[in-house]
Amino acid sequence: LRERITSWQPECELAYDITGLPRVVQHVETRWTLAAEGSGTRVTLTSSVTTKPPVLSRVVLRRLSSVSAGLVADLVAHHRTQELAR
């Protein structure tokens, strides 16, 4: 897989397209957004998928959702490790 950054706003947003997937997957975009919230930061991760036939989008999104959940869990674990190291 290859990820090509399509949007980068430091401390605010990172978006990228994912290529190298099976041909039925026409487009995948993942977007991370950061927003100050109280004494912390709200992190939002969204993905969009276009497939042909369109009915496959739900299947691909389900798989991508489980991968995304792992990415968020890794981010939380890294943050906790950094907090403990302080």
PDB file of N, CA and C in Angstrom:
ATOM      1  N   LEU A   1       0.830  -1.184   0.000  1.00  0.00           N
ATOM      2  CA  LEU A   1       0.000   0.000   0.000  1.00  0.00           C
ATOM      3  C   LEU A   1       0.870   1.242   0.000  1.00  0.00           C
ATOM      4  N   ARG A   2       0.353   2.286  -0.579  1.00  0.00           N
ATOM      5  CA  ARG A   2       1.023   3.590  -0.574  1.00  0.00           C
ATOM      6  C   ARG A   2       0.052   4.623  -0.047  1.00  0.00           C
ATOM      7  N   GLU A   3       0.583   5.553   0.712  1.00  0.00           N
ATOM      8  CA  GLU A   3      -0.230   6.640   1.241  1.00  0.00           C
ATOM      9  C   GLU A   3       0.358   7.951   0.732  1.00  0.00           C
ATOM     10  N   ARG A   4      -0.503   8.760   0.098  1.00  0.00           N
ATOM     11  CA  ARG A   4      -0.067  10.042  -0.455  1.00  0.00           C
ATOM     12  C   ARG A   4      -0.788  11.150   0.298  1.00  0.00           C
ATOM     13  N   ILE A   5      -0.014  12.018   0.927  1.00  0.00           N
ATOM     14  CA  ILE A   5      -0.606  13.111   1.700  1.00  0.00           C
ATOM     15  C   ILE A   5      -1.307  14.081   0.755  1.00  0.00           C
ATOM     16  N   THR A   6      -2.559  14.402   1.084  1.00  0.00           N
ATOM     17  CA  THR A   6      -3.347  15.325   0.274  1.00  0.00           C
ATOM     18  C   THR A   6      -3.640  16.628   1.008  1.00  0.00           C
ATOM     19  N   SER A   7      -3.501  16.619   2.314  1.00  0.00           N
ATOM     20  CA  SER A   7      -3.706  17.829   3.104  1.00  0.00           C
ATOM     21  C   SER A   7      -2.864  17.742   4.366  1.00  0.00           C
ATOM     22  N   TRP A   8      -2.188  18.850   4.693  1.00  0.00           N
ATOM     23  CA  TRP A   8      -1.356  18.897   5.901  1.00  0.00           C
ATOM     24  C   TRP A   8      -1.442  20.300   6.467  1.00  0.00           C
ATOM     25  N   GLN A   9      -2.017  20.392   7.647  1.00  0.00           N
ATOM     26  CA  GLN A   9      -2.072  21.642   8.384  1.00  0.00           C
ATOM     27  C   GLN A   9      -1.543  21.320   9.781  1.00  0.00           C
ATOM     28  N   PRO A  10      -0.293  21.700  10.071  1.00  0.00           N
ATOM     29  CA  PRO A  10       0.319  21.332  11.347  1.00  0.00           C
ATOM     30  C   PRO A  10      -0.595  21.611  12.542  1.00  0.00           C
ATOM     31  N   GLU A  11      -0.636  20.643  13.435  1.00  0.00           N
ATOM     32  CA  GLU A  11      -1.429  20.703  14.664  1.00  0.00           C
ATOM     33  C   GLU A  11      -2.928  20.835  14.411  1.00  0.00           C
ATOM     34  N   CYS A  12      -3.367  20.518  13.189  1.00  0.00           N
ATOM     35  CA  CYS A  12      -4.780  20.670  12.856  1.00  0.00           C
ATOM     36  C   CYS A  12      -5.328  19.499  12.036  1.00  0.00           C
ATOM     37  N   GLU A  13      -4.621  19.131  10.951  1.00  0.00           N
ATOM     38  CA  GLU A  13      -5.188  18.133  10.039  1.00  0.00           C
ATOM     39  C   GLU A  13      -4.105  17.415   9.236  1.00  0.00           C
ATOM     40  N   LEU A  14      -4.370  16.134   8.985  1.00  0.00           N
ATOM     41  CA  LEU A  14      -3.571  15.326   8.070  1.00  0.00           C
ATOM     42  C   LEU A  14      -4.549  14.456   7.289  1.00  0.00           C
ATOM     43  N   ALA A  15      -4.483  14.532   5.962  1.00  0.00           N
ATOM     44  CA  ALA A  15      -5.329  13.675   5.121  1.00  0.00           C
ATOM     45  C   ALA A  15      -4.435  12.993   4.095  1.00  0.00           C
ATOM     46  N   TYR A  16      -4.799  11.767   3.751  1.00  0.00           N
ATOM     47  CA  TYR A  16      -4.013  11.041   2.758  1.00  0.00           C
ATOM     48  C   TYR A  16      -4.882  10.043   2.008  1.00  0.00           C
ATOM     49  N   ASP A  17      -4.510   9.819   0.755  1.00  0.00           N
ATOM     50  CA  ASP A  17      -5.144   8.794  -0.076  1.00  0.00           C
ATOM     51  C   ASP A  17      -4.336   7.521   0.057  1.00  0.00           C
ATOM     52  N   ILE A  18      -5.026   6.394   0.005  1.00  0.00           N
ATOM     53  CA  ILE A  18      -4.372   5.088   0.061  1.00  0.00           C
ATOM     54  C   ILE A  18      -4.537   4.431  -1.302  1.00  0.00           C
ATOM     55  N   THR A  19      -3.416   4.022  -1.896  1.00  0.00           N
ATOM     56  CA  THR A  19      -3.449   3.341  -3.186  1.00  0.00           C
ATOM     57  C   THR A  19      -2.785   1.976  -3.043  1.00  0.00           C
ATOM     58  N   GLY A  20      -2.914   1.174  -4.100  1.00  0.00           N
ATOM     59  CA  GLY A  20      -2.317  -0.154  -4.087  1.00  0.00           C
ATOM     60  C   GLY A  20      -3.279  -1.223  -3.608  1.00  0.00           C
ATOM     61  N   LEU A  21      -4.540  -0.856  -3.497  1.00  0.00           N
ATOM     62  CA  LEU A  21      -5.579  -1.800  -3.086  1.00  0.00           C
ATOM     63  C   LEU A  21      -6.126  -2.513  -4.319  1.00  0.00           C
ATOM     64  N   PRO A  22      -6.923  -3.565  -4.135  1.00  0.00           N
ATOM     65  CA  PRO A  22      -7.524  -4.242  -5.299  1.00  0.00           C
ATOM     66  C   PRO A  22      -8.291  -3.250  -6.185  1.00  0.00           C
ATOM     67  N   ARG A  23      -8.375  -3.536  -7.467  1.00  0.00           N
ATOM     68  CA  ARG A  23      -8.977  -2.617  -8.443  1.00  0.00           C
ATOM     69  C   ARG A  23     -10.422  -2.227  -8.146  1.00  0.00           C
ATOM     70  N   VAL A  24     -11.141  -3.068  -7.439  1.00  0.00           N
ATOM     71  CA  VAL A  24     -12.534  -2.713  -7.119  1.00  0.00           C
ATOM     72  C   VAL A  24     -12.601  -1.508  -6.184  1.00  0.00           C
ATOM     73  N   VAL A  25     -11.505  -1.232  -5.479  1.00  0.00           N
ATOM     74  CA  VAL A  25     -11.437  -0.074  -4.587  1.00  0.00           C
ATOM     75  C   VAL A  25     -10.898   1.090  -5.419  1.00  0.00           C
ATOM     76  N   GLN A  26     -11.772   2.010  -5.776  1.00  0.00           N
ATOM     77  CA  GLN A  26     -11.375   3.112  -6.642  1.00  0.00           C
ATOM     78  C   GLN A  26     -10.705   4.256  -5.896  1.00  0.00           C
ATOM     79  N   HIS A  27     -11.144   4.525  -4.662  1.00  0.00           N
ATOM     80  CA  HIS A  27     -10.564   5.643  -3.917  1.00  0.00           C
ATOM     81  C   HIS A  27     -10.747   5.426  -2.415  1.00  0.00           C
ATOM     82  N   VAL A  28      -9.684   5.683  -1.662  1.00  0.00           N
ATOM     83  CA  VAL A  28      -9.750   5.652  -0.197  1.00  0.00           C
ATOM     84  C   VAL A  28      -9.044   6.900   0.313  1.00  0.00           C
ATOM     85  N   GLU A  29      -9.726   7.630   1.189  1.00  0.00           N
ATOM     86  CA  GLU A  29      -9.104   8.784   1.832  1.00  0.00           C
ATOM     87  C   GLU A  29      -9.281   8.646   3.340  1.00  0.00           C
ATOM     88  N   THR A  30      -8.212   8.933   4.068  1.00  0.00           N
ATOM     89  CA  THR A  30      -8.251   8.951   5.526  1.00  0.00           C
ATOM     90  C   THR A  30      -7.867  10.341   5.983  1.00  0.00           C
ATOM     91  N   ARG A  31      -8.596  10.862   6.985  1.00  0.00           N
ATOM     92  CA  ARG A  31      -8.362  12.222   7.469  1.00  0.00           C
ATOM     93  C   ARG A  31      -8.324  12.225   8.992  1.00  0.00           C
ATOM     94  N   TRP A  32      -7.227  12.749   9.543  1.00  0.00           N
ATOM     95  CA  TRP A  32      -7.076  12.956  10.979  1.00  0.00           C
ATOM     96  C   TRP A  32      -7.269  14.449  11.225  1.00  0.00           C
ATOM     97  N   THR A  33      -8.117  14.799  12.193  1.00  0.00           N
ATOM     98  CA  THR A  33      -8.263  16.199  12.578  1.00  0.00           C
ATOM     99  C   THR A  33      -8.020  16.315  14.082  1.00  0.00           C
ATOM    100  N   LEU A  34      -7.397  17.409  14.467  1.00  0.00           N
ATOM    101  CA  LEU A  34      -7.095  17.682  15.861  1.00  0.00           C
ATOM    102  C   LEU A  34      -7.775  18.983  16.256  1.00  0.00           C
ATOM    103  N   ALA A  35      -8.376  19.002  17.454  1.00  0.00           N
ATOM    104  CA  ALA A  35      -9.024  20.214  17.950  1.00  0.00           C
ATOM    105  C   ALA A  35      -8.808  20.297  19.454  1.00  0.00           C
ATOM    106  N   ALA A  36      -8.416  21.475  19.902  1.00  0.00           N
ATOM    107  CA  ALA A  36      -8.254  21.681  21.342  1.00  0.00           C
ATOM    108  C   ALA A  36      -9.592  21.457  22.032  1.00  0.00           C
ATOM    109  N   GLU A  37      -9.532  20.761  23.165  1.00  0.00           N
ATOM    110  CA  GLU A  37     -10.756  20.495  23.933  1.00  0.00           C
ATOM    111  C   GLU A  37     -10.376  20.461  25.409  1.00  0.00           C
ATOM    112  N   GLY A  38     -10.767  21.498  26.136  1.00  0.00           N
ATOM    113  CA  GLY A  38     -10.396  21.585  27.542  1.00  0.00           C
ATOM    114  C   GLY A  38      -8.887  21.609  27.670  1.00  0.00           C
ATOM    115  N   SER A  39      -8.368  20.730  28.506  1.00  0.00           N
ATOM    116  CA  SER A  39      -6.910  20.664  28.678  1.00  0.00           C
ATOM    117  C   SER A  39      -6.271  19.640  27.744  1.00  0.00           C
ATOM    118  N   GLY A  40      -7.059  19.093  26.827  1.00  0.00           N
ATOM    119  CA  GLY A  40      -6.537  18.064  25.932  1.00  0.00           C
ATOM    120  C   GLY A  40      -6.809  18.367  24.472  1.00  0.00           C
ATOM    121  N   THR A  41      -6.791  17.330  23.681  1.00  0.00           N
ATOM    122  CA  THR A  41      -7.004  17.439  22.239  1.00  0.00           C
ATOM    123  C   THR A  41      -7.974  16.352  21.801  1.00  0.00           C
ATOM    124  N   ARG A  42      -8.984  16.753  21.025  1.00  0.00           N
ATOM    125  CA  ARG A  42      -9.894  15.763  20.422  1.00  0.00           C
ATOM    126  C   ARG A  42      -9.294  15.347  19.087  1.00  0.00           C
ATOM    127  N   VAL A  43      -9.124  14.039  18.899  1.00  0.00           N
ATOM    128  CA  VAL A  43      -8.608  13.483  17.657  1.00  0.00           C
ATOM    129  C   VAL A  43      -9.763  12.777  16.953  1.00  0.00           C
ATOM    130  N   THR A  44      -9.998  13.172  15.703  1.00  0.00           N
ATOM    131  CA  THR A  44     -11.057  12.545  14.916  1.00  0.00           C
ATOM    132  C   THR A  44     -10.416  11.899  13.694  1.00  0.00           C
ATOM    133  N   LEU A  45     -10.778  10.657  13.439  1.00  0.00           N
ATOM    134  CA  LEU A  45     -10.265   9.908  12.301  1.00  0.00           C
ATOM    135  C   LEU A  45     -11.449   9.500  11.440  1.00  0.00           C
ATOM    136  N   THR A  46     -11.466   9.956  10.191  1.00  0.00           N
ATOM    137  CA  THR A  46     -12.547   9.595   9.279  1.00  0.00           C
ATOM    138  C   THR A  46     -11.951   9.017   7.996  1.00  0.00           C
ATOM    139  N   SER A  47     -12.713   8.141   7.373  1.00  0.00           N
ATOM    140  CA  SER A  47     -12.282   7.547   6.112  1.00  0.00           C
ATOM    141  C   SER A  47     -13.448   7.530   5.143  1.00  0.00           C
ATOM    142  N   SER A  48     -13.124   7.664   3.870  1.00  0.00           N
ATOM    143  CA  SER A  48     -14.143   7.517   2.830  1.00  0.00           C
ATOM    144  C   SER A  48     -13.617   6.540   1.788  1.00  0.00           C
ATOM    145  N   VAL A  49     -14.540   5.770   1.239  1.00  0.00           N
ATOM    146  CA  VAL A  49     -14.174   4.720   0.281  1.00  0.00           C
ATOM    147  C   VAL A  49     -15.141   4.763  -0.896  1.00  0.00           C
ATOM    148  N   THR A  50     -14.591   4.631  -2.105  1.00  0.00           N
ATOM    149  CA  THR A  50     -15.400   4.488  -3.306  1.00  0.00           C
ATOM    150  C   THR A  50     -15.000   3.170  -3.958  1.00  0.00           C
ATOM    151  N   THR A  51     -15.995   2.333  -4.221  1.00  0.00           N
ATOM    152  CA  THR A  51     -15.720   1.049  -4.862  1.00  0.00           C
ATOM    153  C   THR A  51     -16.609   0.882  -6.082  1.00  0.00           C
ATOM    154  N   LYS A  52     -16.232  -0.068  -6.914  1.00  0.00           N
ATOM    155  CA  LYS A  52     -17.063  -0.457  -8.048  1.00  0.00           C
ATOM    156  C   LYS A  52     -17.135  -1.961  -8.041  1.00  0.00           C
ATOM    157  N   PRO A  53     -18.251  -2.548  -7.732  1.00  0.00           N
ATOM    158  CA  PRO A  53     -19.571  -1.946  -7.526  1.00  0.00           C
ATOM    159  C   PRO A  53     -19.666  -1.255  -6.159  1.00  0.00           C
ATOM    160  N   PRO A  54     -20.541  -0.229  -6.057  1.00  0.00           N
ATOM    161  CA  PRO A  54     -20.675   0.551  -4.823  1.00  0.00           C
ATOM    162  C   PRO A  54     -21.025  -0.270  -3.585  1.00  0.00           C
ATOM    163  N   VAL A  55     -21.694  -1.379  -3.750  1.00  0.00           N
ATOM    164  CA  VAL A  55     -22.107  -2.198  -2.603  1.00  0.00           C
ATOM    165  C   VAL A  55     -20.898  -2.681  -1.794  1.00  0.00           C
ATOM    166  N   LEU A  56     -19.735  -2.762  -2.400  1.00  0.00           N
ATOM    167  CA  LEU A  56     -18.537  -3.227  -1.701  1.00  0.00           C
ATOM    168  C   LEU A  56     -17.968  -2.188  -0.744  1.00  0.00           C
ATOM    169  N   SER A  57     -18.394  -0.930  -0.870  1.00  0.00           N
ATOM    170  CA  SER A  57     -17.871   0.130   0.000  1.00  0.00           C
ATOM    171  C   SER A  57     -18.054  -0.207   1.470  1.00  0.00           C
ATOM    172  N   ARG A  58     -19.208  -0.752   1.823  1.00  0.00           N
ATOM    173  CA  ARG A  58     -19.465  -1.095   3.230  1.00  0.00           C
ATOM    174  C   ARG A  58     -18.494  -2.154   3.731  1.00  0.00           C
ATOM    175  N   VAL A  59     -18.198  -3.129   2.918  1.00  0.00           N
ATOM    176  CA  VAL A  59     -17.268  -4.194   3.305  1.00  0.00           C
ATOM    177  C   VAL A  59     -15.875  -3.607   3.527  1.00  0.00           C
ATOM    178  N   VAL A  60     -15.424  -2.780   2.587  1.00  0.00           N
ATOM    179  CA  VAL A  60     -14.101  -2.173   2.698  1.00  0.00           C
ATOM    180  C   VAL A  60     -14.051  -1.238   3.911  1.00  0.00           C
ATOM    181  N   LEU A  61     -15.112  -0.454   4.121  1.00  0.00           N
ATOM    182  CA  LEU A  61     -15.142   0.451   5.275  1.00  0.00           C
ATOM    183  C   LEU A  61     -15.099  -0.309   6.595  1.00  0.00           C
ATOM    184  N   ARG A  62     -15.764  -1.459   6.667  1.00  0.00           N
ATOM    185  CA  ARG A  62     -15.707  -2.259   7.892  1.00  0.00           C
ATOM    186  C   ARG A  62     -14.278  -2.691   8.186  1.00  0.00           C
ATOM    187  N   ARG A  63     -13.589  -3.140   7.177  1.00  0.00           N
ATOM    188  CA  ARG A  63     -12.192  -3.569   7.358  1.00  0.00           C
ATOM    189  C   ARG A  63     -11.317  -2.370   7.725  1.00  0.00           C
ATOM    190  N   LEU A  64     -11.511  -1.273   7.030  1.00  0.00           N
ATOM    191  CA  LEU A  64     -10.744  -0.063   7.315  1.00  0.00           C
ATOM    192  C   LEU A  64     -11.041   0.451   8.715  1.00  0.00           C
ATOM    193  N   SER A  65     -12.264   0.284   9.148  1.00  0.00           N
ATOM    194  CA  SER A  65     -12.660   0.710  10.494  1.00  0.00           C
ATOM    195  C   SER A  65     -11.884  -0.051  11.559  1.00  0.00           C
ATOM    196  N   SER A  66     -11.694  -1.346  11.368  1.00  0.00           N
ATOM    197  CA  SER A  66     -10.947  -2.117  12.363  1.00  0.00           C
ATOM    198  C   SER A  66      -9.471  -1.714  12.366  1.00  0.00           C
ATOM    199  N   VAL A  67      -8.918  -1.415  11.203  1.00  0.00           N
ATOM    200  CA  VAL A  67      -7.534  -0.944  11.126  1.00  0.00           C
ATOM    201  C   VAL A  67      -7.421   0.423  11.806  1.00  0.00           C
ATOM    202  N   SER A  68      -8.390   1.298  11.544  1.00  0.00           N
ATOM    203  CA  SER A  68      -8.387   2.637  12.145  1.00  0.00           C
ATOM    204  C   SER A  68      -8.491   2.566  13.663  1.00  0.00           C
ATOM    205  N   ALA A  69      -9.304   1.654  14.160  1.00  0.00           N
ATOM    206  CA  ALA A  69      -9.430   1.492  15.613  1.00  0.00           C
ATOM    207  C   ALA A  69      -8.075   1.123  16.216  1.00  0.00           C
ATOM    208  N   GLY A  70      -7.316   0.302  15.521  1.00  0.00           N
ATOM    209  CA  GLY A  70      -5.978  -0.057  15.985  1.00  0.00           C
ATOM    210  C   GLY A  70      -5.034   1.138  15.974  1.00  0.00           C
ATOM    211  N   LEU A  71      -5.148   1.981  14.948  1.00  0.00           N
ATOM    212  CA  LEU A  71      -4.312   3.185  14.878  1.00  0.00           C
ATOM    213  C   LEU A  71      -4.606   4.118  16.053  1.00  0.00           C
ATOM    214  N   VAL A  72      -5.883   4.295  16.348  1.00  0.00           N
ATOM    215  CA  VAL A  72      -6.266   5.167  17.462  1.00  0.00           C
ATOM    216  C   VAL A  72      -5.800   4.570  18.785  1.00  0.00           C
ATOM    217  N   ALA A  73      -5.947   3.270  18.947  1.00  0.00           N
ATOM    218  CA  ALA A  73      -5.478   2.607  20.178  1.00  0.00           C
ATOM    219  C   ALA A  73      -3.969   2.783  20.339  1.00  0.00           C
ATOM    220  N   ASP A  74      -3.229   2.666  19.244  1.00  0.00           N
ATOM    221  CA  ASP A  74      -1.777   2.878  19.297  1.00  0.00           C
ATOM    222  C   ASP A  74      -1.442   4.315  19.689  1.00  0.00           C
ATOM    223  N   LEU A  75      -2.201   5.276  19.167  1.00  0.00           N
ATOM    224  CA  LEU A  75      -1.980   6.678  19.514  1.00  0.00           C
ATOM    225  C   LEU A  75      -2.228   6.916  21.000  1.00  0.00           C
ATOM    226  N   VAL A  76      -3.308   6.354  21.529  1.00  0.00           N
ATOM    227  CA  VAL A  76      -3.620   6.489  22.957  1.00  0.00           C
ATOM    228  C   VAL A  76      -2.527   5.849  23.803  1.00  0.00           C
ATOM    229  N   ALA A  77      -2.080   4.659  23.429  1.00  0.00           N
ATOM    230  CA  ALA A  77      -1.031   3.972  24.183  1.00  0.00           C
ATOM    231  C   ALA A  77       0.262   4.781  24.161  1.00  0.00           C
ATOM    232  N   HIS A  78       0.600   5.348  23.007  1.00  0.00           N
ATOM    233  CA  HIS A  78       1.815   6.166  22.905  1.00  0.00           C
ATOM    234  C   HIS A  78       1.698   7.389  23.812  1.00  0.00           C
ATOM    235  N   HIS A  79       0.551   8.024  23.806  1.00  0.00           N
ATOM    236  CA  HIS A  79       0.340   9.209  24.652  1.00  0.00           C
ATOM    237  C   HIS A  79       0.486   8.842  26.130  1.00  0.00           C
ATOM    238  N   ARG A  80      -0.102   7.734  26.525  1.00  0.00           N
ATOM    239  CA  ARG A  80      -0.004   7.308  27.936  1.00  0.00           C
ATOM    240  C   ARG A  80       1.438   7.002  28.314  1.00  0.00           C
ATOM    241  N   THR A  81       2.176   6.374  27.412  1.00  0.00           N
ATOM    242  CA  THR A  81       3.590   6.086  27.665  1.00  0.00           C
ATOM    243  C   THR A  81       4.370   7.380  27.852  1.00  0.00           C
ATOM    244  N   GLN A  82       4.094   8.364  27.004  1.00  0.00           N
ATOM    245  CA  GLN A  82       4.770   9.651  27.117  1.00  0.00           C
ATOM    246  C   GLN A  82       4.423  10.351  28.425  1.00  0.00           C
ATOM    247  N   GLU A  83       3.174  10.250  28.846  1.00  0.00           N
ATOM    248  CA  GLU A  83       2.751  10.869  30.106  1.00  0.00           C
ATOM    249  C   GLU A  83       3.458  10.207  31.303  1.00  0.00           C
ATOM    250  N   LEU A  84       3.608   8.894  31.269  1.00  0.00           N
ATOM    251  CA  LEU A  84       4.282   8.185  32.344  1.00  0.00           C
ATOM    252  C   LEU A  84       5.774   8.509  32.398  1.00  0.00           C
ATOM    253  N   ALA A  85       6.351   8.794  31.253  1.00  0.00           N
ATOM    254  CA  ALA A  85       7.791   9.089  31.188  1.00  0.00           C
ATOM    255  C   ALA A  85       8.113  10.477  31.754  1.00  0.00           C
ATOM    256  N   ARG A  86       7.108  11.307  31.880  1.00  0.00           N
ATOM    257  CA  ARG A  86       7.364  12.681  32.372  1.00  0.00           C
ATOM    258  C   ARG A  86       7.542  12.727  33.841  1.00  0.00           C
TER     259      ARG A  86
END
